[in-house]
Every structure is written in C-alpha cells, then in structure tokens.
Amino acid sequence: MLHNRLIGHGLYIFDEPESALSIISQFNMLTRLKQLVDKKSQFIIATHSPVLMAYPDADIYCVSENGLQLVNYEDTEQYKLTKYFMNNYQKMLGELGLL
C-alpha cells in the first residue's frame, strides 16, 4: 500500500500499521515515509512500535489520563521496555517466569 497507493501531497492516518509488519518491513516503512514526507505528505500514526516512533523529528504524543502529552522518543515506554529487553533479555525472561 505504501508504495502503490500513496503518492504524496496527502494527509495519511494509520492505526498501528506495524501489527502485520516484520522489523525489516518497519525499516522499509520508515524509508517510504521519508519519501512521502519529501513529497509534502503528513502522517498521523498511532503505534506501539519503537521503530516507527524513531522517525527523525517526529512529534510523539503519549495518551494518558491527563490527555495528550508531547514526549521525547527515549522517554516513551516502548523505547524503555525494548531497550531493557534487548540489554537484559535473560533477566526479563526470568522475571516473566519463562526460565
């Protein structure tokens, strides 16, 4: 869809597009987003993907009981949990009762 239906000069709204994408496909999506942004497109993306949230200069809003709050990428729960898991996966597997 990103390559065949979106041509630029548009406002695109996606709800968790990563749900059916592998990590490599998410990287490809970032590349395509950049191409479309360069063609004057704008995106609103609801996501839990730390990969998609890493898009350069993206405004990231966290939805909380206090409403929408602008947050830095490295302050997102998704970033923190993914980083913790990658750096401590054995410990986390133990904490989850899997080891």
PDB file of N, CA and C in Angstrom:
ATOM      1  N   MET A   1       0.825  -1.185   0.000  1.00  0.00           N
ATOM      2  CA  MET A   1       0.000   0.000   0.000  1.00  0.00           C
ATOM      3  C   MET A   1       0.872   1.253   0.000  1.00  0.00           C
ATOM      4  N   LEU A   2       1.909   1.260   0.836  1.00  0.00           N
ATOM      5  CA  LEU A   2       2.757   2.450   0.924  1.00  0.00           C
ATOM      6  C   LEU A   2       3.393   2.797  -0.412  1.00  0.00           C
ATOM      7  N   HIS A   3       3.717   1.792  -1.199  1.00  0.00           N
ATOM      8  CA  HIS A   3       4.398   2.038  -2.469  1.00  0.00           C
ATOM      9  C   HIS A   3       3.441   2.206  -3.641  1.00  0.00           C
ATOM     10  N   ASN A   4       2.272   1.610  -3.565  1.00  0.00           N
ATOM     11  CA  ASN A   4       1.378   1.602  -4.723  1.00  0.00           C
ATOM     12  C   ASN A   4       0.192   2.560  -4.633  1.00  0.00           C
ATOM     13  N   ARG A   5      -0.222   2.931  -3.442  1.00  0.00           N
ATOM     14  CA  ARG A   5      -1.421   3.755  -3.312  1.00  0.00           C
ATOM     15  C   ARG A   5      -1.147   5.161  -2.815  1.00  0.00           C
ATOM     16  N   LEU A   6      -0.051   5.379  -2.106  1.00  0.00           N
ATOM     17  CA  LEU A   6       0.256   6.699  -1.566  1.00  0.00           C
ATOM     18  C   LEU A   6       1.269   7.379  -2.471  1.00  0.00           C
ATOM     19  N   ILE A   7       0.904   8.561  -2.954  1.00  0.00           N
ATOM     20  CA  ILE A   7       1.771   9.218  -3.937  1.00  0.00           C
ATOM     21  C   ILE A   7       2.318  10.556  -3.450  1.00  0.00           C
ATOM     22  N   GLY A   8       1.890  10.994  -2.298  1.00  0.00           N
ATOM     23  CA  GLY A   8       2.368  12.265  -1.769  1.00  0.00           C
ATOM     24  C   GLY A   8       1.271  13.307  -1.764  1.00  0.00           C
ATOM     25  N   HIS A   9       1.609  14.470  -1.211  1.00  0.00           N
ATOM     26  CA  HIS A   9       0.670  15.593  -1.087  1.00  0.00           C
ATOM     27  C   HIS A   9      -0.614  15.174  -0.380  1.00  0.00           C
ATOM     28  N   GLY A  10      -0.477  14.371   0.669  1.00  0.00           N
ATOM     29  CA  GLY A  10      -1.663  13.905   1.374  1.00  0.00           C
ATOM     30  C   GLY A  10      -1.472  13.897   2.875  1.00  0.00           C
ATOM     31  N   LEU A  11      -2.580  13.744   3.548  1.00  0.00           N
ATOM     32  CA  LEU A  11      -2.594  13.522   4.989  1.00  0.00           C
ATOM     33  C   LEU A  11      -3.030  12.081   5.189  1.00  0.00           C
ATOM     34  N   TYR A  12      -2.175  11.289   5.807  1.00  0.00           N
ATOM     35  CA  TYR A  12      -2.429   9.870   5.976  1.00  0.00           C
ATOM     36  C   TYR A  12      -2.506   9.545   7.460  1.00  0.00           C
ATOM     37  N   ILE A  13      -3.507   8.770   7.833  1.00  0.00           N
ATOM     38  CA  ILE A  13      -3.723   8.395   9.225  1.00  0.00           C
ATOM     39  C   ILE A  13      -3.674   6.875   9.321  1.00  0.00           C
ATOM     40  N   PHE A  14      -2.745   6.374  10.138  1.00  0.00           N
ATOM     41  CA  PHE A  14      -2.576   4.933  10.302  1.00  0.00           C
ATOM     42  C   PHE A  14      -2.778   4.557  11.763  1.00  0.00           C
ATOM     43  N   ASP A  15      -3.431   3.428  11.974  1.00  0.00           N
ATOM     44  CA  ASP A  15      -3.619   2.889  13.318  1.00  0.00           C
ATOM     45  C   ASP A  15      -2.830   1.594  13.424  1.00  0.00           C
ATOM     46  N   GLU A  16      -1.751   1.635  14.149  1.00  0.00           N
ATOM     47  CA  GLU A  16      -0.867   0.503  14.392  1.00  0.00           C
ATOM     48  C   GLU A  16      -0.502  -0.262  13.113  1.00  0.00           C
ATOM     49  N   PRO A  17       0.105   0.418  12.150  1.00  0.00           N
ATOM     50  CA  PRO A  17       0.462  -0.260  10.901  1.00  0.00           C
ATOM     51  C   PRO A  17       1.515  -1.339  11.088  1.00  0.00           C
ATOM     52  N   GLU A  18       2.233  -1.324  12.199  1.00  0.00           N
ATOM     53  CA  GLU A  18       3.286  -2.308  12.440  1.00  0.00           C
ATOM     54  C   GLU A  18       2.742  -3.683  12.787  1.00  0.00           C
ATOM     55  N   SER A  19       1.448  -3.777  13.086  1.00  0.00           N
ATOM     56  CA  SER A  19       0.899  -5.035  13.597  1.00  0.00           C
ATOM     57  C   SER A  19       1.107  -6.205  12.637  1.00  0.00           C
ATOM     58  N   ALA A  20       1.203  -5.948  11.358  1.00  0.00           N
ATOM     59  CA  ALA A  20       1.407  -7.033  10.392  1.00  0.00           C
ATOM     60  C   ALA A  20       2.786  -6.962   9.736  1.00  0.00           C
ATOM     61  N   LEU A  21       3.676  -6.143  10.290  1.00  0.00           N
ATOM     62  CA  LEU A  21       4.970  -5.938   9.649  1.00  0.00           C
ATOM     63  C   LEU A  21       6.114  -6.545  10.457  1.00  0.00           C
ATOM     64  N   SER A  22       7.033  -7.180   9.755  1.00  0.00           N
ATOM     65  CA  SER A  22       8.272  -7.631  10.382  1.00  0.00           C
ATOM     66  C   SER A  22       9.135  -6.406  10.680  1.00  0.00           C
ATOM     67  N   ILE A  23      10.191  -6.598  11.428  1.00  0.00           N
ATOM     68  CA  ILE A  23      11.089  -5.484  11.746  1.00  0.00           C
ATOM     69  C   ILE A  23      11.700  -4.911  10.470  1.00  0.00           C
ATOM     70  N   ILE A  24      12.055  -5.758   9.525  1.00  0.00           N
ATOM     71  CA  ILE A  24      12.630  -5.277   8.254  1.00  0.00           C
ATOM     72  C   ILE A  24      11.592  -4.467   7.488  1.00  0.00           C
ATOM     73  N   SER A  25      10.351  -4.917   7.503  1.00  0.00           N
ATOM     74  CA  SER A  25       9.294  -4.157   6.829  1.00  0.00           C
ATOM     75  C   SER A  25       9.048  -2.816   7.514  1.00  0.00           C
ATOM     76  N   GLN A  26       9.234  -2.755   8.818  1.00  0.00           N
ATOM     77  CA  GLN A  26       9.111  -1.474   9.521  1.00  0.00           C
ATOM     78  C   GLN A  26      10.235  -0.522   9.102  1.00  0.00           C
ATOM     79  N   PHE A  27      11.439  -1.063   8.916  1.00  0.00           N
ATOM     80  CA  PHE A  27      12.541  -0.232   8.416  1.00  0.00           C
ATOM     81  C   PHE A  27      12.206   0.293   7.020  1.00  0.00           C
ATOM     82  N   ASN A  28      11.652  -0.577   6.166  1.00  0.00           N
ATOM     83  CA  ASN A  28      11.249  -0.150   4.821  1.00  0.00           C
ATOM     84  C   ASN A  28      10.159   0.912   4.894  1.00  0.00           C
ATOM     85  N   MET A  29       9.259   0.762   5.850  1.00  0.00           N
ATOM     86  CA  MET A  29       8.201   1.753   6.020  1.00  0.00           C
ATOM     87  C   MET A  29       8.788   3.117   6.368  1.00  0.00           C
ATOM     88  N   LEU A  30       9.792   3.138   7.250  1.00  0.00           N
ATOM     89  CA  LEU A  30      10.437   4.415   7.588  1.00  0.00           C
ATOM     90  C   LEU A  30      11.007   5.093   6.353  1.00  0.00           C
ATOM     91  N   THR A  31      11.634   4.302   5.498  1.00  0.00           N
ATOM     92  CA  THR A  31      12.206   4.850   4.261  1.00  0.00           C
ATOM     93  C   THR A  31      11.119   5.427   3.360  1.00  0.00           C
ATOM     94  N   ARG A  32      10.018   4.699   3.224  1.00  0.00           N
ATOM     95  CA  ARG A  32       8.913   5.177   2.385  1.00  0.00           C
ATOM     96  C   ARG A  32       8.254   6.409   2.992  1.00  0.00           C
ATOM     97  N   LEU A  33       8.108   6.449   4.318  1.00  0.00           N
ATOM     98  CA  LEU A  33       7.551   7.644   4.964  1.00  0.00           C
ATOM     99  C   LEU A  33       8.382   8.871   4.611  1.00  0.00           C
ATOM    100  N   LYS A  34       9.711   8.718   4.658  1.00  0.00           N
ATOM    101  CA  LYS A  34      10.598   9.838   4.325  1.00  0.00           C
ATOM    102  C   LYS A  34      10.375  10.294   2.886  1.00  0.00           C
ATOM    103  N   GLN A  35      10.246   9.368   1.967  1.00  0.00           N
ATOM    104  CA  GLN A  35       9.990   9.714   0.563  1.00  0.00           C
ATOM    105  C   GLN A  35       8.687  10.496   0.428  1.00  0.00           C
ATOM    106  N   LEU A  36       7.657  10.051   1.135  1.00  0.00           N
ATOM    107  CA  LEU A  36       6.359  10.715   1.053  1.00  0.00           C
ATOM    108  C   LEU A  36       6.371  12.065   1.765  1.00  0.00           C
ATOM    109  N   VAL A  37       7.082  12.178   2.876  1.00  0.00           N
ATOM    110  CA  VAL A  37       7.214  13.473   3.558  1.00  0.00           C
ATOM    111  C   VAL A  37       7.923  14.464   2.637  1.00  0.00           C
ATOM    112  N   ASP A  38       8.927  13.990   1.920  1.00  0.00           N
ATOM    113  CA  ASP A  38       9.621  14.854   0.960  1.00  0.00           C
ATOM    114  C   ASP A  38       8.702  15.317  -0.167  1.00  0.00           C
ATOM    115  N   LYS A  39       7.595  14.590  -0.377  1.00  0.00           N
ATOM    116  CA  LYS A  39       6.586  14.970  -1.373  1.00  0.00           C
ATOM    117  C   LYS A  39       5.407  15.680  -0.713  1.00  0.00           C
ATOM    118  N   LYS A  40       5.677  16.331   0.418  1.00  0.00           N
ATOM    119  CA  LYS A  40       4.693  17.165   1.130  1.00  0.00           C
ATOM    120  C   LYS A  40       3.552  16.384   1.761  1.00  0.00           C
ATOM    121  N   SER A  41       3.803  15.160   2.165  1.00  0.00           N
ATOM    122  CA  SER A  41       2.801  14.377   2.886  1.00  0.00           C
ATOM    123  C   SER A  41       2.968  14.583   4.389  1.00  0.00           C
ATOM    124  N   GLN A  42       1.889  14.354   5.115  1.00  0.00           N
ATOM    125  CA  GLN A  42       1.901  14.385   6.568  1.00  0.00           C
ATOM    126  C   GLN A  42       1.272  13.090   7.069  1.00  0.00           C
ATOM    127  N   PHE A  43       1.737  12.650   8.243  1.00  0.00           N
ATOM    128  CA  PHE A  43       1.261  11.395   8.809  1.00  0.00           C
ATOM    129  C   PHE A  43       0.852  11.577  10.256  1.00  0.00           C
ATOM    130  N   ILE A  44      -0.237  10.928  10.608  1.00  0.00           N
ATOM    131  CA  ILE A  44      -0.633  10.742  11.998  1.00  0.00           C
ATOM    132  C   ILE A  44      -0.665   9.231  12.175  1.00  0.00           C
ATOM    133  N   ILE A  45       0.181   8.738  13.075  1.00  0.00           N
ATOM    134  CA  ILE A  45       0.316   7.291  13.243  1.00  0.00           C
ATOM    135  C   ILE A  45       0.155   6.936  14.714  1.00  0.00           C
ATOM    136  N   ALA A  46      -0.832   6.105  15.005  1.00  0.00           N
ATOM    137  CA  ALA A  46      -0.967   5.524  16.349  1.00  0.00           C
ATOM    138  C   ALA A  46      -0.164   4.235  16.328  1.00  0.00           C
ATOM    139  N   THR A  47       0.854   4.136  17.191  1.00  0.00           N
ATOM    140  CA  THR A  47       1.741   2.982  17.140  1.00  0.00           C
ATOM    141  C   THR A  47       2.299   2.651  18.515  1.00  0.00           C
ATOM    142  N   HIS A  48       2.685   1.392  18.663  1.00  0.00           N
ATOM    143  CA  HIS A  48       3.443   0.948  19.826  1.00  0.00           C
ATOM    144  C   HIS A  48       4.860   0.572  19.396  1.00  0.00           C
ATOM    145  N   SER A  49       5.193   0.794  18.145  1.00  0.00           N
ATOM    146  CA  SER A  49       6.480   0.379  17.609  1.00  0.00           C
ATOM    147  C   SER A  49       7.576   1.392  17.914  1.00  0.00           C
ATOM    148  N   PRO A  50       8.602   0.970  18.652  1.00  0.00           N
ATOM    149  CA  PRO A  50       9.717   1.889  18.878  1.00  0.00           C
ATOM    150  C   PRO A  50      10.474   2.186  17.588  1.00  0.00           C
ATOM    151  N   VAL A  51      10.362   1.318  16.605  1.00  0.00           N
ATOM    152  CA  VAL A  51      10.994   1.571  15.306  1.00  0.00           C
ATOM    153  C   VAL A  51      10.304   2.738  14.609  1.00  0.00           C
ATOM    154  N   LEU A  52       8.998   2.697  14.500  1.00  0.00           N
ATOM    155  CA  LEU A  52       8.277   3.772  13.814  1.00  0.00           C
ATOM    156  C   LEU A  52       8.364   5.082  14.582  1.00  0.00           C
ATOM    157  N   MET A  53       8.378   4.992  15.911  1.00  0.00           N
ATOM    158  CA  MET A  53       8.491   6.216  16.718  1.00  0.00           C
ATOM    159  C   MET A  53       9.833   6.916  16.529  1.00  0.00           C
ATOM    160  N   ALA A  54      10.827   6.191  16.021  1.00  0.00           N
ATOM    161  CA  ALA A  54      12.166   6.749  15.861  1.00  0.00           C
ATOM    162  C   ALA A  54      12.289   7.656  14.643  1.00  0.00           C
ATOM    163  N   TYR A  55      11.207   7.829  13.891  1.00  0.00           N
ATOM    164  CA  TYR A  55      11.283   8.682  12.702  1.00  0.00           C
ATOM    165  C   TYR A  55      11.853  10.054  13.093  1.00  0.00           C
ATOM    166  N   PRO A  56      12.874  10.512  12.386  1.00  0.00           N
ATOM    167  CA  PRO A  56      13.526  11.781  12.758  1.00  0.00           C
ATOM    168  C   PRO A  56      12.555  12.960  12.811  1.00  0.00           C
ATOM    169  N   ASP A  57      12.675  13.737  13.852  1.00  0.00           N
ATOM    170  CA  ASP A  57      11.895  14.962  14.050  1.00  0.00           C
ATOM    171  C   ASP A  57      10.395  14.747  14.209  1.00  0.00           C
ATOM    172  N   ALA A  58       9.995  13.504  14.488  1.00  0.00           N
ATOM    173  CA  ALA A  58       8.570  13.240  14.714  1.00  0.00           C
ATOM    174  C   ALA A  58       8.145  13.842  16.052  1.00  0.00           C
ATOM    175  N   ASP A  59       6.940  14.350  16.095  1.00  0.00           N
ATOM    176  CA  ASP A  59       6.334  14.742  17.366  1.00  0.00           C
ATOM    177  C   ASP A  59       5.634  13.512  17.910  1.00  0.00           C
ATOM    178  N   ILE A  60       6.002  13.108  19.117  1.00  0.00           N
ATOM    179  CA  ILE A  60       5.440  11.911  19.726  1.00  0.00           C
ATOM    180  C   ILE A  60       4.569  12.333  20.901  1.00  0.00           C
ATOM    181  N   TYR A  61       3.325  11.909  20.841  1.00  0.00           N
ATOM    182  CA  TYR A  61       2.387  12.210  21.915  1.00  0.00           C
ATOM    183  C   TYR A  61       2.021  10.923  22.636  1.00  0.00           C
ATOM    184  N   CYS A  62       2.025  10.980  23.940  1.00  0.00           N
ATOM    185  CA  CYS A  62       1.599   9.872  24.774  1.00  0.00           C
ATOM    186  C   CYS A  62       0.171  10.154  25.234  1.00  0.00           C
ATOM    187  N   VAL A  63      -0.676   9.147  25.097  1.00  0.00           N
ATOM    188  CA  VAL A  63      -2.048   9.272  25.573  1.00  0.00           C
ATOM    189  C   VAL A  63      -2.079   8.774  27.013  1.00  0.00           C
ATOM    190  N   SER A  64      -2.510   9.620  27.931  1.00  0.00           N
ATOM    191  CA  SER A  64      -2.549   9.240  29.342  1.00  0.00           C
ATOM    192  C   SER A  64      -3.839   9.764  29.968  1.00  0.00           C
ATOM    193  N   GLU A  65      -3.983   9.505  31.262  1.00  0.00           N
ATOM    194  CA  GLU A  65      -5.164  10.006  31.977  1.00  0.00           C
ATOM    195  C   GLU A  65      -5.198  11.535  32.004  1.00  0.00           C
ATOM    196  N   ASN A  66      -4.072  12.163  31.712  1.00  0.00           N
ATOM    197  CA  ASN A  66      -4.004  13.631  31.660  1.00  0.00           C
ATOM    198  C   ASN A  66      -4.178  14.184  30.260  1.00  0.00           C
ATOM    199  N   GLY A  67      -4.531  13.320  29.311  1.00  0.00           N
ATOM    200  CA  GLY A  67      -4.695  13.755  27.922  1.00  0.00           C
ATOM    201  C   GLY A  67      -3.443  13.469  27.118  1.00  0.00           C
ATOM    202  N   LEU A  68      -3.249  14.242  26.057  1.00  0.00           N
ATOM    203  CA  LEU A  68      -2.076  14.067  25.205  1.00  0.00           C
ATOM    204  C   LEU A  68      -0.906  14.855  25.767  1.00  0.00           C
ATOM    205  N   GLN A  69       0.257  14.195  25.811  1.00  0.00           N
ATOM    206  CA  GLN A  69       1.463  14.857  26.288  1.00  0.00           C
ATOM    207  C   GLN A  69       2.586  14.611  25.291  1.00  0.00           C
ATOM    208  N   LEU A  70       3.243  15.693  24.861  1.00  0.00           N
ATOM    209  CA  LEU A  70       4.394  15.587  23.978  1.00  0.00           C
ATOM    210  C   LEU A  70       5.555  14.996  24.765  1.00  0.00           C
ATOM    211  N   VAL A  71       6.178  13.935  24.230  1.00  0.00           N
ATOM    212  CA  VAL A  71       7.277  13.271  24.925  1.00  0.00           C
ATOM    213  C   VAL A  71       8.461  13.073  23.988  1.00  0.00           C
ATOM    214  N   ASN A  72       9.637  12.952  24.581  1.00  0.00           N
ATOM    215  CA  ASN A  72      10.834  12.623  23.814  1.00  0.00           C
ATOM    216  C   ASN A  72      10.836  11.131  23.523  1.00  0.00           C
ATOM    217  N   TYR A  73      11.426  10.763  22.408  1.00  0.00           N
ATOM    218  CA  TYR A  73      11.477   9.361  21.991  1.00  0.00           C
ATOM    219  C   TYR A  73      12.007   8.458  23.104  1.00  0.00           C
ATOM    220  N   GLU A  74      13.134   8.833  23.698  1.00  0.00           N
ATOM    221  CA  GLU A  74      13.756   7.979  24.703  1.00  0.00           C
ATOM    222  C   GLU A  74      12.988   7.949  26.025  1.00  0.00           C
ATOM    223  N   ASP A  75      11.971   8.772  26.156  1.00  0.00           N
ATOM    224  CA  ASP A  75      11.126   8.755  27.351  1.00  0.00           C
ATOM    225  C   ASP A  75       9.863   7.922  27.162  1.00  0.00           C
ATOM    226  N   THR A  76       9.669   7.360  25.976  1.00  0.00           N
ATOM    227  CA  THR A  76       8.472   6.547  25.749  1.00  0.00           C
ATOM    228  C   THR A  76       8.625   5.190  26.419  1.00  0.00           C
ATOM    229  N   GLU A  77       7.512   4.655  26.857  1.00  0.00           N
ATOM    230  CA  GLU A  77       7.508   3.327  27.476  1.00  0.00           C
ATOM    231  C   GLU A  77       8.015   2.279  26.493  1.00  0.00           C
ATOM    232  N   GLN A  78       7.643   2.419  25.210  1.00  0.00           N
ATOM    233  CA  GLN A  78       8.051   1.451  24.202  1.00  0.00           C
ATOM    234  C   GLN A  78       9.569   1.421  24.047  1.00  0.00           C
ATOM    235  N   TYR A  79      10.186   2.601  24.012  1.00  0.00           N
ATOM    236  CA  TYR A  79      11.641   2.664  23.903  1.00  0.00           C
ATOM    237  C   TYR A  79      12.301   2.044  25.134  1.00  0.00           C
ATOM    238  N   LYS A  80      11.847   2.448  26.316  1.00  0.00           N
ATOM    239  CA  LYS A  80      12.462   1.972  27.553  1.00  0.00           C
ATOM    240  C   LYS A  80      12.347   0.449  27.693  1.00  0.00           C
ATOM    241  N   LEU A  81      11.163  -0.093  27.423  1.00  0.00           N
ATOM    242  CA  LEU A  81      10.976  -1.540  27.557  1.00  0.00           C
ATOM    243  C   LEU A  81      11.777  -2.319  26.524  1.00  0.00           C
ATOM    244  N   THR A  82      11.793  -1.823  25.298  1.00  0.00           N
ATOM    245  CA  THR A  82      12.559  -2.503  24.259  1.00  0.00           C
ATOM    246  C   THR A  82      14.048  -2.474  24.576  1.00  0.00           C
ATOM    247  N   LYS A  83      14.544  -1.338  25.005  1.00  0.00           N
ATOM    248  CA  LYS A  83      15.959  -1.221  25.367  1.00  0.00           C
ATOM    249  C   LYS A  83      16.289  -2.149  26.535  1.00  0.00           C
ATOM    250  N   TYR A  84      15.424  -2.152  27.552  1.00  0.00           N
ATOM    251  CA  TYR A  84      15.646  -3.025  28.706  1.00  0.00           C
ATOM    252  C   TYR A  84      15.679  -4.486  28.266  1.00  0.00           C
ATOM    253  N   PHE A  85      14.715  -4.877  27.447  1.00  0.00           N
ATOM    254  CA  PHE A  85      14.663  -6.262  26.991  1.00  0.00           C
ATOM    255  C   PHE A  85      15.910  -6.625  26.197  1.00  0.00           C
ATOM    256  N   MET A  86      16.313  -5.769  25.264  1.00  0.00           N
ATOM    257  CA  MET A  86      17.478  -6.062  24.429  1.00  0.00           C
ATOM    258  C   MET A  86      18.753  -6.164  25.260  1.00  0.00           C
ATOM    259  N   ASN A  87      18.873  -5.366  26.277  1.00  0.00           N
ATOM    260  CA  ASN A  87      20.081  -5.369  27.102  1.00  0.00           C
ATOM    261  C   ASN A  87      20.032  -6.388  28.240  1.00  0.00           C
ATOM    262  N   ASN A  88      18.845  -6.902  28.556  1.00  0.00           N
ATOM    263  CA  ASN A  88      18.679  -7.794  29.708  1.00  0.00           C
ATOM    264  C   ASN A  88      17.688  -8.914  29.418  1.00  0.00           C
ATOM    265  N   TYR A  89      17.705  -9.461  28.219  1.00  0.00           N
ATOM    266  CA  TYR A  89      16.637 -10.389  27.860  1.00  0.00           C
ATOM    267  C   TYR A  89      16.587 -11.625  28.756  1.00  0.00           C
ATOM    268  N   GLN A  90      17.736 -12.139  29.175  1.00  0.00           N
ATOM    269  CA  GLN A  90      17.721 -13.317  30.048  1.00  0.00           C
ATOM    270  C   GLN A  90      17.055 -12.979  31.386  1.00  0.00           C
ATOM    271  N   LYS A  91      17.414 -11.833  31.953  1.00  0.00           N
ATOM    272  CA  LYS A  91      16.828 -11.406  33.226  1.00  0.00           C
ATOM    273  C   LYS A  91      15.318 -11.211  33.077  1.00  0.00           C
ATOM    274  N   MET A  92      14.908 -10.576  31.968  1.00  0.00           N
ATOM    275  CA  MET A  92      13.484 -10.311  31.786  1.00  0.00           C
ATOM    276  C   MET A  92      12.711 -11.619  31.566  1.00  0.00           C
ATOM    277  N   LEU A  93      13.287 -12.555  30.835  1.00  0.00           N
ATOM    278  CA  LEU A  93      12.636 -13.858  30.651  1.00  0.00           C
ATOM    279  C   LEU A  93      12.448 -14.540  32.008  1.00  0.00           C
ATOM    280  N   GLY A  94      13.431 -14.364  32.883  1.00  0.00           N
ATOM    281  CA  GLY A  94      13.303 -14.905  34.232  1.00  0.00           C
ATOM    282  C   GLY A  94      12.206 -14.203  35.006  1.00  0.00           C
ATOM    283  N   GLU A  95      12.137 -12.868  34.886  1.00  0.00           N
ATOM    284  CA  GLU A  95      11.106 -12.099  35.583  1.00  0.00           C
ATOM    285  C   GLU A  95       9.709 -12.476  35.092  1.00  0.00           C
ATOM    286  N   LEU A  96       9.615 -12.893  33.850  1.00  0.00           N
ATOM    287  CA  LEU A  96       8.334 -13.313  33.284  1.00  0.00           C
ATOM    288  C   LEU A  96       8.002 -14.762  33.614  1.00  0.00           C
ATOM    289  N   GLY A  97       8.909 -15.424  34.309  1.00  0.00           N
ATOM    290  CA  GLY A  97       8.677 -16.827  34.693  1.00  0.00           C
ATOM    291  C   GLY A  97       8.911 -17.798  33.562  1.00  0.00           C
ATOM    292  N   LEU A  98       9.700 -17.405  32.565  1.00  0.00           N
ATOM    293  CA  LEU A  98       9.923 -18.270  31.425  1.00  0.00           C
ATOM    294  C   LEU A  98      11.212 -19.071  31.530  1.00  0.00           C
ATOM    295  N   LEU A  99      12.030 -18.745  32.490  1.00  0.00           N
ATOM    296  CA  LEU A  99      13.284 -19.504  32.706  1.00  0.00           C
ATOM    297  C   LEU A  99      13.294 -20.117  34.087  1.00  0.00           C
TER     298      LEU A  99
END
